[in-house]
Amino acid sequence: MKMKGRVFRFGDNVSTDVHLSVKYRPPEHTLEDLKRDAFREIDPDFASSVRAGDLVVAGENFGLVSSRADAAVVLRELGVSCVLAKSYGHMFYRNAINMGLPVVECDTDAIRAGDEVEVDLEAGAVRVGDERIDFSPYPAALLTMVSAGGLIPFLKEEGDYPA
């Protein structure tokens, strides 16, 4: 599974409380509301600028704090093809994979905002310009699950999930 896109760059310790702030979540909120307000506090133009295939790149501890699965869903629904970071909050990491959003733990120091990068989950490689950044490749089973759109679609496809 390969992705190629433009980079939106964030720093360290980006909490899901910032990237999907509860300030913008009235009780009647919709997915469209959440998409419109993604990263509003640190990049007000993100939601209107991101295009299908783009990537989010961050430093240490991306997605810390919250167990809200919609933080990953909103990125996926905005068209983000992958998130690259040095490390993740464990709940965000698992939620992202469960929701079909690939996340890669790798060195992100050489990746800048606006760069065009290519990610190959099977080969375990990120290409940015002439540089190659290696990471642990996705196992075949995980590639299948992410390709299916996440855990629930995968289980439905495999026939192990009640209709």
N, C-alpha and C. Protein backbone atom coordinates (compact mmCIF):
# COMPACT_ATOMS: atom_id res chain seq x y z
N MET A 1 0.85 -1.17 0.00
CA MET A 1 0.00 0.00 0.00
C MET A 1 0.90 1.23 0.00
N LYS A 2 0.72 2.07 -1.02
CA LYS A 2 1.53 3.28 -1.16
C LYS A 2 0.64 4.51 -1.14
N MET A 3 1.18 5.55 -0.56
CA MET A 3 0.52 6.85 -0.53
C MET A 3 1.52 7.90 -0.98
N LYS A 4 1.03 8.89 -1.67
CA LYS A 4 1.89 9.99 -2.09
C LYS A 4 1.10 11.27 -1.92
N GLY A 5 1.71 12.25 -1.28
CA GLY A 5 0.99 13.50 -1.08
C GLY A 5 1.83 14.59 -0.48
N ARG A 6 1.19 15.69 -0.29
CA ARG A 6 1.80 16.90 0.26
C ARG A 6 1.71 16.87 1.78
N VAL A 7 2.70 17.45 2.43
CA VAL A 7 2.82 17.40 3.89
C VAL A 7 2.21 18.63 4.56
N PHE A 8 1.43 18.35 5.60
CA PHE A 8 1.03 19.36 6.59
C PHE A 8 1.83 19.02 7.83
N ARG A 9 2.63 19.94 8.30
CA ARG A 9 3.61 19.67 9.36
C ARG A 9 3.14 20.27 10.69
N PHE A 10 3.23 19.45 11.74
CA PHE A 10 2.94 19.89 13.09
C PHE A 10 4.10 19.50 13.99
N GLY A 11 4.14 20.06 15.18
CA GLY A 11 5.25 19.83 16.10
C GLY A 11 5.03 18.67 17.04
N ASP A 12 5.59 18.79 18.22
CA ASP A 12 5.49 17.77 19.25
C ASP A 12 4.24 17.98 20.10
N ASN A 13 3.80 16.90 20.73
CA ASN A 13 2.72 16.93 21.73
C ASN A 13 1.43 17.56 21.21
N VAL A 14 1.02 17.16 20.02
CA VAL A 14 -0.25 17.65 19.47
C VAL A 14 -1.36 16.76 20.01
N SER A 15 -2.10 17.31 20.92
CA SER A 15 -3.18 16.60 21.58
C SER A 15 -4.41 16.52 20.68
N THR A 16 -5.16 15.45 20.81
CA THR A 16 -6.42 15.38 20.09
C THR A 16 -7.39 16.44 20.60
N ASP A 17 -7.15 16.96 21.79
CA ASP A 17 -7.96 18.06 22.29
C ASP A 17 -7.69 19.35 21.52
N VAL A 18 -6.56 19.43 20.85
CA VAL A 18 -6.25 20.57 19.99
C VAL A 18 -6.68 20.27 18.57
N HIS A 19 -6.37 19.07 18.10
CA HIS A 19 -6.67 18.78 16.70
C HIS A 19 -8.15 18.55 16.46
N LEU A 20 -8.88 18.25 17.51
CA LEU A 20 -10.33 18.12 17.40
C LEU A 20 -10.94 18.65 18.70
N SER A 21 -10.82 19.94 18.89
CA SER A 21 -11.17 20.58 20.15
C SER A 21 -12.64 20.45 20.52
N VAL A 22 -12.89 20.19 21.80
CA VAL A 22 -14.27 20.11 22.29
C VAL A 22 -14.96 21.47 22.24
N LYS A 23 -14.20 22.54 22.10
CA LYS A 23 -14.81 23.87 21.97
C LYS A 23 -15.74 23.95 20.77
N TYR A 24 -15.44 23.15 19.74
CA TYR A 24 -16.20 23.21 18.51
C TYR A 24 -17.11 22.01 18.35
N ARG A 25 -17.51 21.42 19.47
CA ARG A 25 -18.32 20.20 19.41
C ARG A 25 -19.62 20.36 20.19
N PRO A 26 -20.56 21.12 19.66
CA PRO A 26 -21.86 21.20 20.33
C PRO A 26 -22.53 19.83 20.28
N PRO A 27 -23.50 19.61 21.15
CA PRO A 27 -24.15 18.29 21.20
C PRO A 27 -24.69 17.81 19.85
N GLU A 28 -25.11 18.71 19.01
CA GLU A 28 -25.69 18.32 17.72
C GLU A 28 -24.66 18.31 16.59
N HIS A 29 -23.37 18.27 16.94
CA HIS A 29 -22.32 18.32 15.92
C HIS A 29 -22.43 17.18 14.91
N THR A 30 -21.97 17.47 13.71
CA THR A 30 -21.96 16.47 12.64
C THR A 30 -20.51 16.22 12.23
N LEU A 31 -20.31 15.20 11.44
CA LEU A 31 -18.98 14.93 10.91
C LEU A 31 -18.49 16.13 10.09
N GLU A 32 -19.36 16.77 9.35
CA GLU A 32 -18.97 17.95 8.57
C GLU A 32 -18.48 19.07 9.48
N ASP A 33 -19.14 19.26 10.63
CA ASP A 33 -18.70 20.28 11.59
C ASP A 33 -17.30 19.94 12.10
N LEU A 34 -17.09 18.68 12.44
CA LEU A 34 -15.79 18.26 12.96
C LEU A 34 -14.70 18.44 11.91
N LYS A 35 -14.99 18.09 10.68
CA LYS A 35 -14.02 18.25 9.60
C LYS A 35 -13.66 19.73 9.42
N ARG A 36 -14.63 20.58 9.45
CA ARG A 36 -14.41 22.02 9.24
C ARG A 36 -13.49 22.60 10.32
N ASP A 37 -13.55 22.06 11.52
CA ASP A 37 -12.81 22.64 12.64
C ASP A 37 -11.52 21.90 13.00
N ALA A 38 -11.12 20.92 12.20
CA ALA A 38 -9.91 20.15 12.50
C ALA A 38 -8.68 21.07 12.55
N PHE A 39 -7.92 20.98 13.61
CA PHE A 39 -6.68 21.74 13.82
C PHE A 39 -6.90 23.25 13.84
N ARG A 40 -8.12 23.67 14.02
CA ARG A 40 -8.48 25.09 13.94
C ARG A 40 -7.60 25.97 14.82
N GLU A 41 -7.23 25.47 16.01
CA GLU A 41 -6.47 26.30 16.95
C GLU A 41 -4.99 26.44 16.58
N ILE A 42 -4.44 25.51 15.81
CA ILE A 42 -3.02 25.61 15.46
C ILE A 42 -2.78 25.84 13.97
N ASP A 43 -3.76 25.56 13.15
CA ASP A 43 -3.68 25.84 11.71
C ASP A 43 -5.09 26.08 11.19
N PRO A 44 -5.58 27.30 11.33
CA PRO A 44 -6.97 27.60 10.96
C PRO A 44 -7.31 27.28 9.50
N ASP A 45 -6.31 27.19 8.63
CA ASP A 45 -6.56 26.92 7.21
C ASP A 45 -6.48 25.43 6.86
N PHE A 46 -6.16 24.59 7.83
CA PHE A 46 -5.95 23.17 7.54
C PHE A 46 -7.14 22.55 6.82
N ALA A 47 -8.31 22.65 7.41
CA ALA A 47 -9.49 21.96 6.87
C ALA A 47 -9.84 22.41 5.46
N SER A 48 -9.61 23.67 5.16
CA SER A 48 -9.95 24.16 3.83
C SER A 48 -8.81 23.94 2.83
N SER A 49 -7.62 23.62 3.31
CA SER A 49 -6.47 23.44 2.44
C SER A 49 -6.11 21.99 2.14
N VAL A 50 -6.43 21.10 3.06
CA VAL A 50 -6.04 19.70 2.89
C VAL A 50 -6.78 19.09 1.71
N ARG A 51 -6.06 18.27 0.94
CA ARG A 51 -6.64 17.60 -0.22
C ARG A 51 -6.47 16.09 -0.06
N ALA A 52 -7.27 15.35 -0.79
CA ALA A 52 -7.18 13.89 -0.74
C ALA A 52 -5.75 13.46 -1.06
N GLY A 53 -5.21 12.61 -0.23
CA GLY A 53 -3.86 12.09 -0.41
C GLY A 53 -2.82 12.80 0.42
N ASP A 54 -3.12 13.99 0.93
CA ASP A 54 -2.15 14.71 1.75
C ASP A 54 -1.82 13.93 3.02
N LEU A 55 -0.69 14.26 3.63
CA LEU A 55 -0.23 13.59 4.83
C LEU A 55 -0.06 14.59 5.96
N VAL A 56 -0.26 14.11 7.16
CA VAL A 56 0.05 14.88 8.37
C VAL A 56 1.35 14.32 8.91
N VAL A 57 2.29 15.22 9.21
CA VAL A 57 3.59 14.83 9.75
C VAL A 57 3.79 15.61 11.04
N ALA A 58 4.26 14.92 12.07
CA ALA A 58 4.45 15.56 13.37
C ALA A 58 5.72 15.04 14.03
N GLY A 59 6.00 15.58 15.18
CA GLY A 59 7.17 15.16 15.96
C GLY A 59 6.79 14.07 16.94
N GLU A 60 7.15 14.28 18.19
CA GLU A 60 6.89 13.32 19.26
C GLU A 60 5.46 13.42 19.77
N ASN A 61 4.89 12.29 20.12
CA ASN A 61 3.67 12.22 20.91
C ASN A 61 2.44 12.81 20.22
N PHE A 62 2.25 12.50 18.96
CA PHE A 62 1.08 12.99 18.23
C PHE A 62 -0.17 12.25 18.71
N GLY A 63 -1.23 12.99 18.93
CA GLY A 63 -2.51 12.40 19.32
C GLY A 63 -2.59 12.00 20.78
N LEU A 64 -1.83 12.64 21.63
CA LEU A 64 -1.90 12.29 23.04
C LEU A 64 -3.22 12.72 23.65
N VAL A 65 -3.54 12.21 24.77
CA VAL A 65 -4.65 12.56 25.66
C VAL A 65 -5.93 11.78 25.42
N SER A 66 -6.55 11.91 24.29
CA SER A 66 -7.94 11.49 24.16
C SER A 66 -8.11 10.10 23.56
N SER A 67 -9.18 9.46 23.96
CA SER A 67 -9.53 8.16 23.38
C SER A 67 -10.58 8.29 22.28
N ARG A 68 -10.90 9.50 21.87
CA ARG A 68 -11.94 9.71 20.86
C ARG A 68 -11.51 9.17 19.49
N ALA A 69 -12.21 8.19 19.01
CA ALA A 69 -11.92 7.62 17.69
C ALA A 69 -12.20 8.61 16.59
N ASP A 70 -13.08 9.58 16.82
CA ASP A 70 -13.42 10.53 15.75
C ASP A 70 -12.23 11.42 15.38
N ALA A 71 -11.22 11.51 16.23
CA ALA A 71 -10.02 12.27 15.87
C ALA A 71 -9.36 11.65 14.64
N ALA A 72 -9.31 10.34 14.58
CA ALA A 72 -8.75 9.65 13.41
C ALA A 72 -9.73 9.67 12.25
N VAL A 73 -11.00 9.50 12.53
CA VAL A 73 -12.02 9.48 11.48
C VAL A 73 -12.03 10.80 10.72
N VAL A 74 -11.94 11.91 11.42
CA VAL A 74 -11.97 13.22 10.78
C VAL A 74 -10.78 13.38 9.83
N LEU A 75 -9.60 12.95 10.25
CA LEU A 75 -8.44 13.04 9.35
C LEU A 75 -8.67 12.18 8.10
N ARG A 76 -9.13 10.97 8.31
CA ARG A 76 -9.39 10.07 7.18
C ARG A 76 -10.43 10.68 6.24
N GLU A 77 -11.51 11.22 6.80
CA GLU A 77 -12.59 11.78 5.99
C GLU A 77 -12.20 13.08 5.29
N LEU A 78 -11.20 13.78 5.81
CA LEU A 78 -10.68 14.96 5.13
C LEU A 78 -9.77 14.58 3.96
N GLY A 79 -9.44 13.30 3.87
CA GLY A 79 -8.60 12.83 2.77
C GLY A 79 -7.16 12.56 3.14
N VAL A 80 -6.81 12.77 4.41
CA VAL A 80 -5.44 12.48 4.85
C VAL A 80 -5.17 11.00 4.61
N SER A 81 -4.10 10.71 3.88
CA SER A 81 -3.81 9.32 3.52
C SER A 81 -2.97 8.60 4.56
N CYS A 82 -2.23 9.36 5.37
CA CYS A 82 -1.33 8.74 6.34
C CYS A 82 -0.86 9.80 7.33
N VAL A 83 -0.51 9.37 8.52
CA VAL A 83 0.11 10.25 9.51
C VAL A 83 1.48 9.68 9.83
N LEU A 84 2.50 10.53 9.77
CA LEU A 84 3.86 10.16 10.13
C LEU A 84 4.24 10.95 11.38
N ALA A 85 4.78 10.28 12.38
CA ALA A 85 5.24 10.96 13.59
C ALA A 85 6.33 10.13 14.24
N LYS A 86 7.10 10.78 15.10
CA LYS A 86 8.15 10.08 15.83
C LYS A 86 7.56 9.12 16.85
N SER A 87 6.45 9.53 17.46
CA SER A 87 5.73 8.67 18.41
C SER A 87 4.30 9.17 18.52
N TYR A 88 3.45 8.33 19.11
CA TYR A 88 2.01 8.60 19.19
C TYR A 88 1.49 8.37 20.60
N GLY A 89 0.39 9.07 20.91
CA GLY A 89 -0.40 8.67 22.05
C GLY A 89 -0.98 7.31 21.73
N HIS A 90 -0.90 6.37 22.66
CA HIS A 90 -1.27 4.98 22.34
C HIS A 90 -2.72 4.83 21.92
N MET A 91 -3.63 5.59 22.50
CA MET A 91 -5.04 5.45 22.12
C MET A 91 -5.28 5.97 20.71
N PHE A 92 -4.67 7.10 20.35
CA PHE A 92 -4.83 7.61 18.99
C PHE A 92 -4.27 6.61 17.98
N TYR A 93 -3.11 6.07 18.27
CA TYR A 93 -2.47 5.13 17.35
C TYR A 93 -3.39 3.94 17.05
N ARG A 94 -3.92 3.35 18.08
CA ARG A 94 -4.79 2.18 17.90
C ARG A 94 -6.10 2.57 17.22
N ASN A 95 -6.68 3.69 17.63
CA ASN A 95 -7.92 4.16 17.01
C ASN A 95 -7.72 4.44 15.52
N ALA A 96 -6.59 5.04 15.16
CA ALA A 96 -6.33 5.35 13.75
C ALA A 96 -6.33 4.07 12.92
N ILE A 97 -5.61 3.08 13.37
CA ILE A 97 -5.55 1.81 12.62
C ILE A 97 -6.93 1.17 12.58
N ASN A 98 -7.63 1.16 13.70
CA ASN A 98 -8.98 0.59 13.73
C ASN A 98 -9.93 1.30 12.79
N MET A 99 -9.68 2.58 12.53
CA MET A 99 -10.54 3.37 11.66
C MET A 99 -10.03 3.42 10.22
N GLY A 100 -8.95 2.68 9.93
CA GLY A 100 -8.44 2.61 8.56
C GLY A 100 -7.54 3.75 8.15
N LEU A 101 -6.99 4.48 9.13
CA LEU A 101 -6.05 5.57 8.84
C LEU A 101 -4.64 5.07 9.14
N PRO A 102 -3.80 4.88 8.13
CA PRO A 102 -2.44 4.41 8.40
C PRO A 102 -1.65 5.43 9.21
N VAL A 103 -0.93 4.93 10.19
CA VAL A 103 -0.03 5.74 11.00
C VAL A 103 1.33 5.06 10.99
N VAL A 104 2.38 5.85 10.87
CA VAL A 104 3.74 5.34 10.78
C VAL A 104 4.59 6.06 11.82
N GLU A 105 5.33 5.28 12.57
CA GLU A 105 6.28 5.82 13.52
C GLU A 105 7.66 5.81 12.86
N CYS A 106 8.22 7.01 12.66
CA CYS A 106 9.53 7.13 12.01
C CYS A 106 10.15 8.48 12.35
N ASP A 107 11.39 8.65 11.95
CA ASP A 107 12.07 9.93 12.12
C ASP A 107 11.46 10.92 11.12
N THR A 108 10.97 12.02 11.61
CA THR A 108 10.31 13.00 10.74
C THR A 108 11.09 14.31 10.61
N ASP A 109 12.31 14.34 11.15
CA ASP A 109 13.08 15.59 11.16
C ASP A 109 13.34 16.17 9.78
N ALA A 110 13.52 15.33 8.76
CA ALA A 110 13.86 15.81 7.42
C ALA A 110 12.64 16.22 6.60
N ILE A 111 11.45 16.07 7.14
CA ILE A 111 10.23 16.33 6.38
C ILE A 111 9.68 17.71 6.76
N ARG A 112 9.44 18.52 5.76
CA ARG A 112 8.98 19.90 5.97
C ARG A 112 7.56 20.09 5.42
N ALA A 113 6.89 21.11 5.91
CA ALA A 113 5.57 21.48 5.39
C ALA A 113 5.68 21.73 3.89
N GLY A 114 4.73 21.19 3.16
CA GLY A 114 4.69 21.39 1.71
C GLY A 114 5.49 20.38 0.91
N ASP A 115 6.37 19.60 1.57
CA ASP A 115 7.11 18.56 0.85
C ASP A 115 6.15 17.56 0.23
N GLU A 116 6.56 16.98 -0.87
CA GLU A 116 5.85 15.85 -1.46
C GLU A 116 6.56 14.60 -0.98
N VAL A 117 5.83 13.70 -0.35
CA VAL A 117 6.44 12.46 0.15
C VAL A 117 5.67 11.26 -0.38
N GLU A 118 6.37 10.15 -0.40
CA GLU A 118 5.75 8.88 -0.76
C GLU A 118 6.00 7.91 0.38
N VAL A 119 4.94 7.22 0.78
CA VAL A 119 5.02 6.24 1.87
C VAL A 119 4.63 4.88 1.31
N ASP A 120 5.47 3.90 1.58
CA ASP A 120 5.19 2.52 1.18
C ASP A 120 5.10 1.69 2.45
N LEU A 121 3.88 1.37 2.87
CA LEU A 121 3.68 0.64 4.12
C LEU A 121 4.25 -0.77 4.07
N GLU A 122 4.18 -1.39 2.90
CA GLU A 122 4.66 -2.76 2.76
C GLU A 122 6.19 -2.82 2.80
N ALA A 123 6.85 -1.86 2.17
CA ALA A 123 8.31 -1.84 2.14
C ALA A 123 8.90 -1.20 3.39
N GLY A 124 8.09 -0.44 4.13
CA GLY A 124 8.60 0.25 5.31
C GLY A 124 9.51 1.41 4.95
N ALA A 125 9.06 2.24 4.00
CA ALA A 125 9.91 3.34 3.55
C ALA A 125 9.10 4.60 3.26
N VAL A 126 9.70 5.72 3.64
CA VAL A 126 9.20 7.05 3.30
C VAL A 126 10.25 7.68 2.39
N ARG A 127 9.81 8.24 1.29
CA ARG A 127 10.72 8.97 0.40
C ARG A 127 10.33 10.44 0.42
N VAL A 128 11.33 11.27 0.70
CA VAL A 128 11.16 12.71 0.62
C VAL A 128 12.37 13.23 -0.14
N GLY A 129 12.13 13.69 -1.35
CA GLY A 129 13.24 14.06 -2.23
C GLY A 129 14.10 12.84 -2.50
N ASP A 130 15.40 12.99 -2.31
CA ASP A 130 16.33 11.88 -2.51
C ASP A 130 16.55 11.06 -1.25
N GLU A 131 15.91 11.45 -0.16
CA GLU A 131 16.12 10.77 1.12
C GLU A 131 15.10 9.65 1.33
N ARG A 132 15.57 8.57 1.91
CA ARG A 132 14.70 7.46 2.28
C ARG A 132 14.75 7.32 3.80
N ILE A 133 13.57 7.25 4.40
CA ILE A 133 13.44 7.06 5.84
C ILE A 133 12.78 5.70 6.05
N ASP A 134 13.45 4.82 6.75
CA ASP A 134 12.93 3.47 6.98
C ASP A 134 12.11 3.40 8.26
N PHE A 135 11.14 2.51 8.24
CA PHE A 135 10.33 2.20 9.42
C PHE A 135 9.95 0.73 9.36
N SER A 136 9.40 0.20 10.42
CA SER A 136 8.97 -1.19 10.42
C SER A 136 7.78 -1.35 9.48
N PRO A 137 7.92 -2.22 8.46
CA PRO A 137 6.81 -2.41 7.51
C PRO A 137 5.56 -2.93 8.20
N TYR A 138 4.42 -2.61 7.61
CA TYR A 138 3.16 -3.14 8.12
C TYR A 138 3.09 -4.64 7.81
N PRO A 139 2.70 -5.45 8.78
CA PRO A 139 2.48 -6.87 8.50
C PRO A 139 1.30 -7.03 7.52
N ALA A 140 1.29 -8.13 6.80
CA ALA A 140 0.26 -8.38 5.77
C ALA A 140 -1.15 -8.26 6.35
N ALA A 141 -1.38 -8.82 7.53
CA ALA A 141 -2.72 -8.78 8.13
C ALA A 141 -3.16 -7.34 8.41
N LEU A 142 -2.23 -6.51 8.87
CA LEU A 142 -2.56 -5.12 9.16
C LEU A 142 -2.80 -4.34 7.86
N LEU A 143 -2.03 -4.62 6.83
CA LEU A 143 -2.27 -4.00 5.52
C LEU A 143 -3.67 -4.34 5.02
N THR A 144 -4.07 -5.59 5.18
CA THR A 144 -5.40 -6.02 4.74
C THR A 144 -6.48 -5.28 5.51
N MET A 145 -6.30 -5.14 6.83
CA MET A 145 -7.29 -4.45 7.66
C MET A 145 -7.40 -2.97 7.28
N VAL A 146 -6.27 -2.30 7.12
CA VAL A 146 -6.28 -0.88 6.77
C VAL A 146 -6.87 -0.70 5.37
N SER A 147 -6.52 -1.57 4.44
CA SER A 147 -7.05 -1.49 3.07
C SER A 147 -8.57 -1.68 3.04
N ALA A 148 -9.08 -2.47 3.98
CA ALA A 148 -10.53 -2.70 4.05
C ALA A 148 -11.27 -1.49 4.61
N GLY A 149 -10.54 -0.53 5.19
CA GLY A 149 -11.17 0.64 5.77
C GLY A 149 -11.20 0.63 7.27
N GLY A 150 -10.53 -0.34 7.89
CA GLY A 150 -10.47 -0.41 9.34
C GLY A 150 -10.98 -1.74 9.86
N LEU A 151 -11.03 -1.85 11.16
CA LEU A 151 -11.37 -3.12 11.82
C LEU A 151 -12.79 -3.60 11.51
N ILE A 152 -13.78 -2.75 11.66
CA ILE A 152 -15.17 -3.19 11.44
C ILE A 152 -15.40 -3.58 9.99
N PRO A 153 -15.02 -2.75 9.01
CA PRO A 153 -15.19 -3.20 7.61
C PRO A 153 -14.43 -4.50 7.32
N PHE A 154 -13.25 -4.64 7.90
CA PHE A 154 -12.47 -5.87 7.70
C PHE A 154 -13.23 -7.07 8.24
N LEU A 155 -13.77 -6.95 9.45
CA LEU A 155 -14.50 -8.08 10.04
C LEU A 155 -15.77 -8.38 9.26
N LYS A 156 -16.44 -7.35 8.78
CA LYS A 156 -17.64 -7.58 7.95
C LYS A 156 -17.27 -8.30 6.66
N GLU A 157 -16.16 -7.88 6.07
CA GLU A 157 -15.68 -8.49 4.83
C GLU A 157 -15.30 -9.96 5.06
N GLU A 158 -14.72 -10.22 6.20
CA GLU A 158 -14.28 -11.58 6.53
C GLU A 158 -15.43 -12.46 7.03
N GLY A 159 -16.57 -11.84 7.30
CA GLY A 159 -17.72 -12.59 7.77
C GLY A 159 -17.73 -12.89 9.26
N ASP A 160 -16.89 -12.21 10.01
CA ASP A 160 -16.80 -12.44 11.46
C ASP A 160 -17.45 -11.34 12.28
N TYR A 161 -18.27 -10.52 11.64
CA TYR A 161 -18.92 -9.44 12.35
C TYR A 161 -20.41 -9.51 12.08
N PRO A 162 -21.22 -9.46 13.13
CA PRO A 162 -22.67 -9.55 12.90
C PRO A 162 -23.19 -8.37 12.07
N ALA A 163 -24.06 -8.67 11.16
CA ALA A 163 -24.61 -7.65 10.28
C ALA A 163 -25.54 -6.71 11.00
